[in-house]
Each structure stands twice: as structure tokens, then as C-alpha cells.
Amino acid sequence: MDMRFLMKQAQQMQAKLQETQANLRAEGTAGGQLVKVTLNGSKELMAVSIAKEAMDPEDPSMLEDLLMAAFRDAAQKADEAMKQQMGGMGAGLNLPGLGL
């Protein structure tokens, strides 16, 4: 196999992965949608929405728990979406760390 061809292919896959990660949006919710969190494919926080009903000054830990749950929900959805969008690219390569 031509090593230059493989390197070019790897670079194209990496560019596609980065583009997909940047453009993907996954929304996670908690507390009946009192808290919404949006992540990109790299699991970077893009947006947070908190309903005023979720803010109890007497119980700040409730809001903390809702934020964590919404983040986990969004992260799981981002993983699933990335797997779906990128699954065909890594077919047969079995590269560690990509989860494809």
C-alpha cells in the first residue's frame, strides 16, 4: 500500500471528524425539561437553559443535580449521533479511541 495515500486518507477522515464534531448539536434535558443543555460533537457546552422553576434558593443542590443529569443526557446523545454520522468512515479500520 502507498503510505502517502493512507496518510492523505487519514487526514481527510480527521478533517471530516472535526467538521462533524463542530457542527453536531445534541440537547439533553432534565427535570421535565426544566434544564436544557446543548453540546457539540466534541462535548463542548454550547448553550444552557434553566427554567425559573428549577431555581430554588433553599435547595441549590437540586439545580446542580439537574444540570449534571442534562449534561449526561446530552453527552450520551452526542456520542450516539457521532457514531451514526461517522460509523461508515471507520468501517474496517478498528482504530482505538474512535469508538467506530
PDB file of N, CA and C in Angstrom:
ATOM      1  N   MET A   1       0.827  -1.201   0.000  1.00  0.00           N
ATOM      2  CA  MET A   1       0.000   0.000   0.000  1.00  0.00           C
ATOM      3  C   MET A   1       0.863   1.253   0.000  1.00  0.00           C
ATOM      4  N   ASP A   2       0.370   2.259  -0.644  1.00  0.00           N
ATOM      5  CA  ASP A   2       1.068   3.539  -0.724  1.00  0.00           C
ATOM      6  C   ASP A   2       0.842   4.318   0.568  1.00  0.00           C
ATOM      7  N   MET A   3       1.919   4.583   1.296  1.00  0.00           N
ATOM      8  CA  MET A   3       1.829   5.265   2.582  1.00  0.00           C
ATOM      9  C   MET A   3       1.292   6.697   2.431  1.00  0.00           C
ATOM     10  N   ARG A   4       1.654   7.366   1.343  1.00  0.00           N
ATOM     11  CA  ARG A   4       1.159   8.730   1.125  1.00  0.00           C
ATOM     12  C   ARG A   4      -0.356   8.729   0.948  1.00  0.00           C
ATOM     13  N   PHE A   5      -0.850   7.724   0.232  1.00  0.00           N
ATOM     14  CA  PHE A   5      -2.300   7.609   0.036  1.00  0.00           C
ATOM     15  C   PHE A   5      -2.999   7.391   1.376  1.00  0.00           C
ATOM     16  N   LEU A   6      -2.432   6.514   2.207  1.00  0.00           N
ATOM     17  CA  LEU A   6      -3.020   6.258   3.527  1.00  0.00           C
ATOM     18  C   LEU A   6      -3.002   7.509   4.402  1.00  0.00           C
ATOM     19  N   MET A   7      -1.912   8.262   4.351  1.00  0.00           N
ATOM     20  CA  MET A   7      -1.812   9.496   5.136  1.00  0.00           C
ATOM     21  C   MET A   7      -2.837  10.525   4.662  1.00  0.00           C
ATOM     22  N   LYS A   8      -3.002  10.631   3.356  1.00  0.00           N
ATOM     23  CA  LYS A   8      -3.977  11.569   2.799  1.00  0.00           C
ATOM     24  C   LYS A   8      -5.389  11.165   3.223  1.00  0.00           C
ATOM     25  N   GLN A   9      -5.653   9.868   3.177  1.00  0.00           N
ATOM     26  CA  GLN A   9      -6.959   9.368   3.587  1.00  0.00           C
ATOM     27  C   GLN A   9      -7.209   9.657   5.070  1.00  0.00           C
ATOM     28  N   ALA A  10      -6.185   9.438   5.895  1.00  0.00           N
ATOM     29  CA  ALA A  10      -6.304   9.701   7.330  1.00  0.00           C
ATOM     30  C   ALA A  10      -6.566  11.186   7.589  1.00  0.00           C
ATOM     31  N   GLN A  11      -5.895  12.059   6.860  1.00  0.00           N
ATOM     32  CA  GLN A  11      -6.097  13.495   7.020  1.00  0.00           C
ATOM     33  C   GLN A  11      -7.511  13.899   6.619  1.00  0.00           C
ATOM     34  N   GLN A  12      -8.022  13.300   5.553  1.00  0.00           N
ATOM     35  CA  GLN A  12      -9.391  13.596   5.126  1.00  0.00           C
ATOM     36  C   GLN A  12     -10.392  13.131   6.179  1.00  0.00           C
ATOM     37  N   MET A  13     -10.151  11.949   6.753  1.00  0.00           N
ATOM     38  CA  MET A  13     -11.039  11.442   7.805  1.00  0.00           C
ATOM     39  C   MET A  13     -11.003  12.347   9.029  1.00  0.00           C
ATOM     40  N   GLN A  14      -9.807  12.810   9.384  1.00  0.00           N
ATOM     41  CA  GLN A  14      -9.673  13.691  10.540  1.00  0.00           C
ATOM     42  C   GLN A  14     -10.404  15.014  10.296  1.00  0.00           C
ATOM     43  N   ALA A  15     -10.288  15.563   9.107  1.00  0.00           N
ATOM     44  CA  ALA A  15     -10.979  16.812   8.779  1.00  0.00           C
ATOM     45  C   ALA A  15     -12.492  16.621   8.845  1.00  0.00           C
ATOM     46  N   LYS A  16     -12.968  15.497   8.321  1.00  0.00           N
ATOM     47  CA  LYS A  16     -14.397  15.205   8.351  1.00  0.00           C
ATOM     48  C   LYS A  16     -14.880  15.040   9.792  1.00  0.00           C
ATOM     49  N   LEU A  17     -14.093  14.361  10.613  1.00  0.00           N
ATOM     50  CA  LEU A  17     -14.437  14.174  12.021  1.00  0.00           C
ATOM     51  C   LEU A  17     -14.535  15.523  12.734  1.00  0.00           C
ATOM     52  N   GLN A  18     -13.558  16.387  12.520  1.00  0.00           N
ATOM     53  CA  GLN A  18     -13.560  17.697  13.168  1.00  0.00           C
ATOM     54  C   GLN A  18     -14.741  18.544  12.710  1.00  0.00           C
ATOM     55  N   GLU A  19     -15.062  18.479  11.428  1.00  0.00           N
ATOM     56  CA  GLU A  19     -16.206  19.229  10.910  1.00  0.00           C
ATOM     57  C   GLU A  19     -17.508  18.712  11.515  1.00  0.00           C
ATOM     58  N   THR A  20     -17.635  17.408  11.581  1.00  0.00           N
ATOM     59  CA  THR A  20     -18.835  16.799  12.153  1.00  0.00           C
ATOM     60  C   THR A  20     -18.969  17.167  13.623  1.00  0.00           C
ATOM     61  N   GLN A  21     -17.875  17.100  14.368  1.00  0.00           N
ATOM     62  CA  GLN A  21     -17.907  17.441  15.786  1.00  0.00           C
ATOM     63  C   GLN A  21     -18.314  18.897  15.994  1.00  0.00           C
ATOM     64  N   ALA A  22     -17.808  19.781  15.162  1.00  0.00           N
ATOM     65  CA  ALA A  22     -18.106  21.205  15.307  1.00  0.00           C
ATOM     66  C   ALA A  22     -19.560  21.520  14.968  1.00  0.00           C
ATOM     67  N   ASN A  23     -20.124  20.822  13.984  1.00  0.00           N
ATOM     68  CA  ASN A  23     -21.477  21.137  13.515  1.00  0.00           C
ATOM     69  C   ASN A  23     -22.587  20.395  14.247  1.00  0.00           C
ATOM     70  N   LEU A  24     -22.254  19.296  14.895  1.00  0.00           N
ATOM     71  CA  LEU A  24     -23.265  18.500  15.578  1.00  0.00           C
ATOM     72  C   LEU A  24     -23.791  19.236  16.811  1.00  0.00           C
ATOM     73  N   ARG A  25     -25.065  19.116  17.066  1.00  0.00           N
ATOM     74  CA  ARG A  25     -25.671  19.665  18.281  1.00  0.00           C
ATOM     75  C   ARG A  25     -26.519  18.576  18.924  1.00  0.00           C
ATOM     76  N   ALA A  26     -26.327  18.376  20.220  1.00  0.00           N
ATOM     77  CA  ALA A  26     -27.107  17.396  20.974  1.00  0.00           C
ATOM     78  C   ALA A  26     -27.658  18.085  22.210  1.00  0.00           C
ATOM     79  N   GLU A  27     -28.968  17.995  22.384  1.00  0.00           N
ATOM     80  CA  GLU A  27     -29.609  18.627  23.530  1.00  0.00           C
ATOM     81  C   GLU A  27     -29.992  17.577  24.552  1.00  0.00           C
ATOM     82  N   GLY A  28     -29.622  17.825  25.784  1.00  0.00           N
ATOM     83  CA  GLY A  28     -30.008  16.967  26.891  1.00  0.00           C
ATOM     84  C   GLY A  28     -30.912  17.749  27.818  1.00  0.00           C
ATOM     85  N   THR A  29     -31.848  17.034  28.445  1.00  0.00           N
ATOM     86  CA  THR A  29     -32.791  17.688  29.342  1.00  0.00           C
ATOM     87  C   THR A  29     -32.864  16.926  30.663  1.00  0.00           C
ATOM     88  N   ALA A  30     -33.387  17.616  31.665  1.00  0.00           N
ATOM     89  CA  ALA A  30     -33.610  17.000  32.972  1.00  0.00           C
ATOM     90  C   ALA A  30     -34.744  17.741  33.669  1.00  0.00           C
ATOM     91  N   GLY A  31     -35.388  17.037  34.590  1.00  0.00           N
ATOM     92  CA  GLY A  31     -36.458  17.660  35.373  1.00  0.00           C
ATOM     93  C   GLY A  31     -37.646  18.047  34.524  1.00  0.00           C
ATOM     94  N   GLY A  32     -38.020  17.192  33.577  1.00  0.00           N
ATOM     95  CA  GLY A  32     -39.152  17.532  32.722  1.00  0.00           C
ATOM     96  C   GLY A  32     -38.876  18.768  31.888  1.00  0.00           C
ATOM     97  N   GLN A  33     -37.650  18.885  31.426  1.00  0.00           N
ATOM     98  CA  GLN A  33     -37.176  19.996  30.585  1.00  0.00           C
ATOM     99  C   GLN A  33     -37.030  21.313  31.340  1.00  0.00           C
ATOM    100  N   LEU A  34     -36.909  21.248  32.666  1.00  0.00           N
ATOM    101  CA  LEU A  34     -36.610  22.461  33.429  1.00  0.00           C
ATOM    102  C   LEU A  34     -35.197  22.951  33.119  1.00  0.00           C
ATOM    103  N   VAL A  35     -34.317  22.000  32.816  1.00  0.00           N
ATOM    104  CA  VAL A  35     -32.938  22.331  32.473  1.00  0.00           C
ATOM    105  C   VAL A  35     -32.623  21.695  31.125  1.00  0.00           C
ATOM    106  N   LYS A  36     -32.060  22.498  30.216  1.00  0.00           N
ATOM    107  CA  LYS A  36     -31.641  22.019  28.897  1.00  0.00           C
ATOM    108  C   LYS A  36     -30.178  22.400  28.689  1.00  0.00           C
ATOM    109  N   VAL A  37     -29.426  21.452  28.157  1.00  0.00           N
ATOM    110  CA  VAL A  37     -28.015  21.665  27.884  1.00  0.00           C
ATOM    111  C   VAL A  37     -27.756  21.242  26.438  1.00  0.00           C
ATOM    112  N   THR A  38     -27.046  22.067  25.691  1.00  0.00           N
ATOM    113  CA  THR A  38     -26.692  21.727  24.313  1.00  0.00           C
ATOM    114  C   THR A  38     -25.179  21.603  24.210  1.00  0.00           C
ATOM    115  N   LEU A  39     -24.740  20.472  23.639  1.00  0.00           N
ATOM    116  CA  LEU A  39     -23.322  20.204  23.422  1.00  0.00           C
ATOM    117  C   LEU A  39     -23.061  20.029  21.938  1.00  0.00           C
ATOM    118  N   ASN A  40     -21.808  20.252  21.530  1.00  0.00           N
ATOM    119  CA  ASN A  40     -21.435  19.902  20.161  1.00  0.00           C
ATOM    120  C   ASN A  40     -20.868  18.485  20.177  1.00  0.00           C
ATOM    121  N   GLY A  41     -20.392  18.005  19.043  1.00  0.00           N
ATOM    122  CA  GLY A  41     -19.879  16.652  18.943  1.00  0.00           C
ATOM    123  C   GLY A  41     -18.624  16.398  19.750  1.00  0.00           C
ATOM    124  N   SER A  42     -17.922  17.455  20.125  1.00  0.00           N
ATOM    125  CA  SER A  42     -16.741  17.334  20.988  1.00  0.00           C
ATOM    126  C   SER A  42     -17.123  17.437  22.456  1.00  0.00           C
ATOM    127  N   LYS A  43     -18.408  17.486  22.713  1.00  0.00           N
ATOM    128  CA  LYS A  43     -18.981  17.620  24.058  1.00  0.00           C
ATOM    129  C   LYS A  43     -18.599  18.940  24.718  1.00  0.00           C
ATOM    130  N   GLU A  44     -18.441  19.966  23.895  1.00  0.00           N
ATOM    131  CA  GLU A  44     -18.236  21.306  24.421  1.00  0.00           C
ATOM    132  C   GLU A  44     -19.601  21.931  24.642  1.00  0.00           C
ATOM    133  N   LEU A  45     -19.752  22.628  25.743  1.00  0.00           N
ATOM    134  CA  LEU A  45     -21.018  23.263  26.096  1.00  0.00           C
ATOM    135  C   LEU A  45     -21.308  24.421  25.153  1.00  0.00           C
ATOM    136  N   MET A  46     -22.460  24.357  24.493  1.00  0.00           N
ATOM    137  CA  MET A  46     -22.842  25.396  23.543  1.00  0.00           C
ATOM    138  C   MET A  46     -23.947  26.295  24.105  1.00  0.00           C
ATOM    139  N   ALA A  47     -24.831  25.714  24.924  1.00  0.00           N
ATOM    140  CA  ALA A  47     -25.938  26.503  25.473  1.00  0.00           C
ATOM    141  C   ALA A  47     -26.493  25.829  26.723  1.00  0.00           C
ATOM    142  N   VAL A  48     -27.041  26.663  27.602  1.00  0.00           N
ATOM    143  CA  VAL A  48     -27.717  26.191  28.812  1.00  0.00           C
ATOM    144  C   VAL A  48     -28.999  26.994  28.956  1.00  0.00           C
ATOM    145  N   SER A  49     -30.075  26.297  29.274  1.00  0.00           N
ATOM    146  CA  SER A  49     -31.352  26.953  29.517  1.00  0.00           C
ATOM    147  C   SER A  49     -31.912  26.419  30.836  1.00  0.00           C
ATOM    148  N   ILE A  50     -32.240  27.334  31.743  1.00  0.00           N
ATOM    149  CA  ILE A  50     -32.748  26.942  33.054  1.00  0.00           C
ATOM    150  C   ILE A  50     -34.064  27.666  33.302  1.00  0.00           C
ATOM    151  N   ALA A  51     -35.124  26.905  33.507  1.00  0.00           N
ATOM    152  CA  ALA A  51     -36.427  27.488  33.817  1.00  0.00           C
ATOM    153  C   ALA A  51     -36.391  28.039  35.244  1.00  0.00           C
ATOM    154  N   LYS A  52     -37.098  29.134  35.467  1.00  0.00           N
ATOM    155  CA  LYS A  52     -37.059  29.749  36.797  1.00  0.00           C
ATOM    156  C   LYS A  52     -37.603  28.812  37.875  1.00  0.00           C
ATOM    157  N   GLU A  53     -38.450  27.866  37.484  1.00  0.00           N
ATOM    158  CA  GLU A  53     -38.986  26.907  38.461  1.00  0.00           C
ATOM    159  C   GLU A  53     -37.902  25.969  38.995  1.00  0.00           C
ATOM    160  N   ALA A  54     -36.792  25.861  38.277  1.00  0.00           N
ATOM    161  CA  ALA A  54     -35.691  24.988  38.700  1.00  0.00           C
ATOM    162  C   ALA A  54     -34.791  25.663  39.724  1.00  0.00           C
ATOM    163  N   MET A  55     -34.971  26.964  39.928  1.00  0.00           N
ATOM    164  CA  MET A  55     -34.098  27.725  40.827  1.00  0.00           C
ATOM    165  C   MET A  55     -34.748  27.892  42.196  1.00  0.00           C
ATOM    166  N   ASP A  56     -34.353  27.023  43.109  1.00  0.00           N
ATOM    167  CA  ASP A  56     -34.851  27.101  44.483  1.00  0.00           C
ATOM    168  C   ASP A  56     -33.700  27.545  45.372  1.00  0.00           C
ATOM    169  N   PRO A  57     -33.748  28.794  45.863  1.00  0.00           N
ATOM    170  CA  PRO A  57     -32.641  29.290  46.683  1.00  0.00           C
ATOM    171  C   PRO A  57     -32.437  28.466  47.953  1.00  0.00           C
ATOM    172  N   GLU A  58     -33.469  27.759  48.377  1.00  0.00           N
ATOM    173  CA  GLU A  58     -33.359  26.924  49.581  1.00  0.00           C
ATOM    174  C   GLU A  58     -32.694  25.577  49.284  1.00  0.00           C
ATOM    175  N   ASP A  59     -32.621  25.198  47.994  1.00  0.00           N
ATOM    176  CA  ASP A  59     -32.072  23.889  47.624  1.00  0.00           C
ATOM    177  C   ASP A  59     -31.245  23.990  46.342  1.00  0.00           C
ATOM    178  N   PRO A  60     -30.081  24.623  46.415  1.00  0.00           N
ATOM    179  CA  PRO A  60     -29.253  24.761  45.210  1.00  0.00           C
ATOM    180  C   PRO A  60     -28.761  23.413  44.673  1.00  0.00           C
ATOM    181  N   SER A  61     -28.689  22.405  45.514  1.00  0.00           N
ATOM    182  CA  SER A  61     -28.203  21.104  45.056  1.00  0.00           C
ATOM    183  C   SER A  61     -29.158  20.479  44.036  1.00  0.00           C
ATOM    184  N   MET A  62     -30.447  20.843  44.098  1.00  0.00           N
ATOM    185  CA  MET A  62     -31.395  20.319  43.118  1.00  0.00           C
ATOM    186  C   MET A  62     -31.028  20.805  41.713  1.00  0.00           C
ATOM    187  N   LEU A  63     -30.710  22.077  41.583  1.00  0.00           N
ATOM    188  CA  LEU A  63     -30.320  22.632  40.289  1.00  0.00           C
ATOM    189  C   LEU A  63     -29.001  22.016  39.820  1.00  0.00           C
ATOM    190  N   GLU A  64     -28.075  21.831  40.728  1.00  0.00           N
ATOM    191  CA  GLU A  64     -26.804  21.193  40.376  1.00  0.00           C
ATOM    192  C   GLU A  64     -27.045  19.788  39.820  1.00  0.00           C
ATOM    193  N   ASP A  65     -27.917  19.029  40.483  1.00  0.00           N
ATOM    194  CA  ASP A  65     -28.238  17.670  40.028  1.00  0.00           C
ATOM    195  C   ASP A  65     -28.906  17.689  38.654  1.00  0.00           C
ATOM    196  N   LEU A  66     -29.806  18.646  38.435  1.00  0.00           N
ATOM    197  CA  LEU A  66     -30.481  18.753  37.139  1.00  0.00           C
ATOM    198  C   LEU A  66     -29.483  19.089  36.021  1.00  0.00           C
ATOM    199  N   LEU A  67     -28.555  19.984  36.324  1.00  0.00           N
ATOM    200  CA  LEU A  67     -27.536  20.332  35.330  1.00  0.00           C
ATOM    201  C   LEU A  67     -26.667  19.123  34.975  1.00  0.00           C
ATOM    202  N   MET A  68     -26.264  18.373  35.978  1.00  0.00           N
ATOM    203  CA  MET A  68     -25.451  17.178  35.728  1.00  0.00           C
ATOM    204  C   MET A  68     -26.223  16.159  34.900  1.00  0.00           C
ATOM    205  N   ALA A  69     -27.483  15.955  35.243  1.00  0.00           N
ATOM    206  CA  ALA A  69     -28.301  14.985  34.505  1.00  0.00           C
ATOM    207  C   ALA A  69     -28.504  15.425  33.058  1.00  0.00           C
ATOM    208  N   ALA A  70     -28.753  16.698  32.837  1.00  0.00           N
ATOM    209  CA  ALA A  70     -28.946  17.212  31.478  1.00  0.00           C
ATOM    210  C   ALA A  70     -27.650  17.093  30.672  1.00  0.00           C
ATOM    211  N   PHE A  71     -26.524  17.354  31.316  1.00  0.00           N
ATOM    212  CA  PHE A  71     -25.234  17.226  30.635  1.00  0.00           C
ATOM    213  C   PHE A  71     -24.986  15.777  30.232  1.00  0.00           C
ATOM    214  N   ARG A  72     -25.239  14.842  31.150  1.00  0.00           N
ATOM    215  CA  ARG A  72     -25.051  13.421  30.831  1.00  0.00           C
ATOM    216  C   ARG A  72     -25.960  12.993  29.681  1.00  0.00           C
ATOM    217  N   ASP A  73     -27.195  13.476  29.698  1.00  0.00           N
ATOM    218  CA  ASP A  73     -28.152  13.149  28.639  1.00  0.00           C
ATOM    219  C   ASP A  73     -27.649  13.665  27.293  1.00  0.00           C
ATOM    220  N   ALA A  74     -27.175  14.901  27.267  1.00  0.00           N
ATOM    221  CA  ALA A  74     -26.661  15.482  26.026  1.00  0.00           C
ATOM    222  C   ALA A  74     -25.398  14.758  25.566  1.00  0.00           C
ATOM    223  N   ALA A  75     -24.516  14.390  26.491  1.00  0.00           N
ATOM    224  CA  ALA A  75     -23.279  13.698  26.130  1.00  0.00           C
ATOM    225  C   ALA A  75     -23.585  12.338  25.504  1.00  0.00           C
ATOM    226  N   GLN A  76     -24.559  11.627  26.060  1.00  0.00           N
ATOM    227  CA  GLN A  76     -24.948  10.334  25.505  1.00  0.00           C
ATOM    228  C   GLN A  76     -25.520  10.506  24.094  1.00  0.00           C
ATOM    229  N   LYS A  77     -26.357  11.514  23.919  1.00  0.00           N
ATOM    230  CA  LYS A  77     -26.937  11.782  22.600  1.00  0.00           C
ATOM    231  C   LYS A  77     -25.858  12.198  21.599  1.00  0.00           C
ATOM    232  N   ALA A  78     -24.869  12.977  22.049  1.00  0.00           N
ATOM    233  CA  ALA A  78     -23.772  13.386  21.168  1.00  0.00           C
ATOM    234  C   ALA A  78     -22.960  12.169  20.739  1.00  0.00           C
ATOM    235  N   ASP A  79     -22.684  11.268  21.677  1.00  0.00           N
ATOM    236  CA  ASP A  79     -21.953  10.044  21.339  1.00  0.00           C
ATOM    237  C   ASP A  79     -22.709   9.222  20.304  1.00  0.00           C
ATOM    238  N   GLU A  80     -24.006   9.054  20.517  1.00  0.00           N
ATOM    239  CA  GLU A  80     -24.819   8.271  19.590  1.00  0.00           C
ATOM    240  C   GLU A  80     -24.856   8.918  18.205  1.00  0.00           C
ATOM    241  N   ALA A  81     -25.018  10.230  18.164  1.00  0.00           N
ATOM    242  CA  ALA A  81     -25.078  10.933  16.883  1.00  0.00           C
ATOM    243  C   ALA A  81     -23.737  10.857  16.152  1.00  0.00           C
ATOM    244  N   MET A  82     -22.633  11.002  16.881  1.00  0.00           N
ATOM    245  CA  MET A  82     -21.313  10.906  16.261  1.00  0.00           C
ATOM    246  C   MET A  82     -21.090   9.499  15.709  1.00  0.00           C
ATOM    247  N   LYS A  83     -21.512   8.506  16.446  1.00  0.00           N
ATOM    248  CA  LYS A  83     -21.362   7.126  15.982  1.00  0.00           C
ATOM    249  C   LYS A  83     -22.133   6.903  14.688  1.00  0.00           C
ATOM    250  N   GLN A  84     -23.353   7.439  14.646  1.00  0.00           N
ATOM    251  CA  GLN A  84     -24.167   7.281  13.438  1.00  0.00           C
ATOM    252  C   GLN A  84     -23.549   8.011  12.252  1.00  0.00           C
ATOM    253  N   GLN A  85     -23.114   9.240  12.470  1.00  0.00           N
ATOM    254  CA  GLN A  85     -22.595  10.047  11.368  1.00  0.00           C
ATOM    255  C   GLN A  85     -21.224   9.578  10.897  1.00  0.00           C
ATOM    256  N   MET A  86     -20.424   9.067  11.795  1.00  0.00           N
ATOM    257  CA  MET A  86     -19.060   8.707  11.448  1.00  0.00           C
ATOM    258  C   MET A  86     -18.871   7.202  11.271  1.00  0.00           C
ATOM    259  N   GLY A  87     -19.877   6.415  11.568  1.00  0.00           N
ATOM    260  CA  GLY A  87     -19.753   4.963  11.526  1.00  0.00           C
ATOM    261  C   GLY A  87     -19.221   4.421  10.224  1.00  0.00           C
ATOM    262  N   GLY A  88     -19.667   4.923   9.110  1.00  0.00           N
ATOM    263  CA  GLY A  88     -19.227   4.430   7.817  1.00  0.00           C
ATOM    264  C   GLY A  88     -17.790   4.773   7.491  1.00  0.00           C
ATOM    265  N   MET A  89     -17.299   5.857   8.051  1.00  0.00           N
ATOM    266  CA  MET A  89     -15.934   6.291   7.715  1.00  0.00           C
ATOM    267  C   MET A  89     -14.875   5.339   8.246  1.00  0.00           C
ATOM    268  N   GLY A  90     -15.104   4.808   9.434  1.00  0.00           N
ATOM    269  CA  GLY A  90     -14.072   3.964  10.048  1.00  0.00           C
ATOM    270  C   GLY A  90     -14.300   2.498   9.825  1.00  0.00           C
ATOM    271  N   ALA A  91     -15.217   2.134   8.955  1.00  0.00           N
ATOM    272  CA  ALA A  91     -15.545   0.737   8.738  1.00  0.00           C
ATOM    273  C   ALA A  91     -14.299  -0.062   8.380  1.00  0.00           C
ATOM    274  N   GLY A  92     -14.070  -1.095   9.163  1.00  0.00           N
ATOM    275  CA  GLY A  92     -12.952  -1.987   8.889  1.00  0.00           C
ATOM    276  C   GLY A  92     -11.620  -1.508   9.420  1.00  0.00           C
ATOM    277  N   LEU A  93     -11.545  -0.292   9.904  1.00  0.00           N
ATOM    278  CA  LEU A  93     -10.247   0.209  10.384  1.00  0.00           C
ATOM    279  C   LEU A  93      -9.972  -0.203  11.819  1.00  0.00           C
ATOM    280  N   ASN A  94     -11.020  -0.319  12.639  1.00  0.00           N
ATOM    281  CA  ASN A  94     -10.906  -0.712  14.038  1.00  0.00           C
ATOM    282  C   ASN A  94      -9.824   0.086  14.760  1.00  0.00           C
ATOM    283  N   LEU A  95      -9.916   1.404  14.665  1.00  0.00           N
ATOM    284  CA  LEU A  95      -8.939   2.274  15.300  1.00  0.00           C
ATOM    285  C   LEU A  95      -9.312   2.518  16.757  1.00  0.00           C
ATOM    286  N   PRO A  96      -8.385   2.309  17.684  1.00  0.00           N
ATOM    287  CA  PRO A  96      -8.697   2.512  19.086  1.00  0.00           C
ATOM    288  C   PRO A  96      -9.014   3.976  19.387  1.00  0.00           C
ATOM    289  N   GLY A  97      -9.959   4.171  20.288  1.00  0.00           N
ATOM    290  CA  GLY A  97     -10.293   5.516  20.725  1.00  0.00           C
ATOM    291  C   GLY A  97     -11.366   6.199  19.907  1.00  0.00           C
ATOM    292  N   LEU A  98     -11.672   5.690  18.721  1.00  0.00           N
ATOM    293  CA  LEU A  98     -12.701   6.330  17.889  1.00  0.00           C
ATOM    294  C   LEU A  98     -14.082   5.792  18.197  1.00  0.00           C
ATOM    295  N   GLY A  99     -14.165   4.589  18.730  1.00  0.00           N
ATOM    296  CA  GLY A  99     -15.464   4.014  19.054  1.00  0.00           C
ATOM    297  C   GLY A  99     -16.325   3.778  17.840  1.00  0.00           C
ATOM    298  N   LEU A 100     -15.731   3.537  16.711  1.00  0.00           N
ATOM    299  CA  LEU A 100     -16.482   3.333  15.469  1.00  0.00           C
ATOM    300  C   LEU A 100     -16.542   1.861  15.129  1.00  0.00           C
TER     301      LEU A 100
END
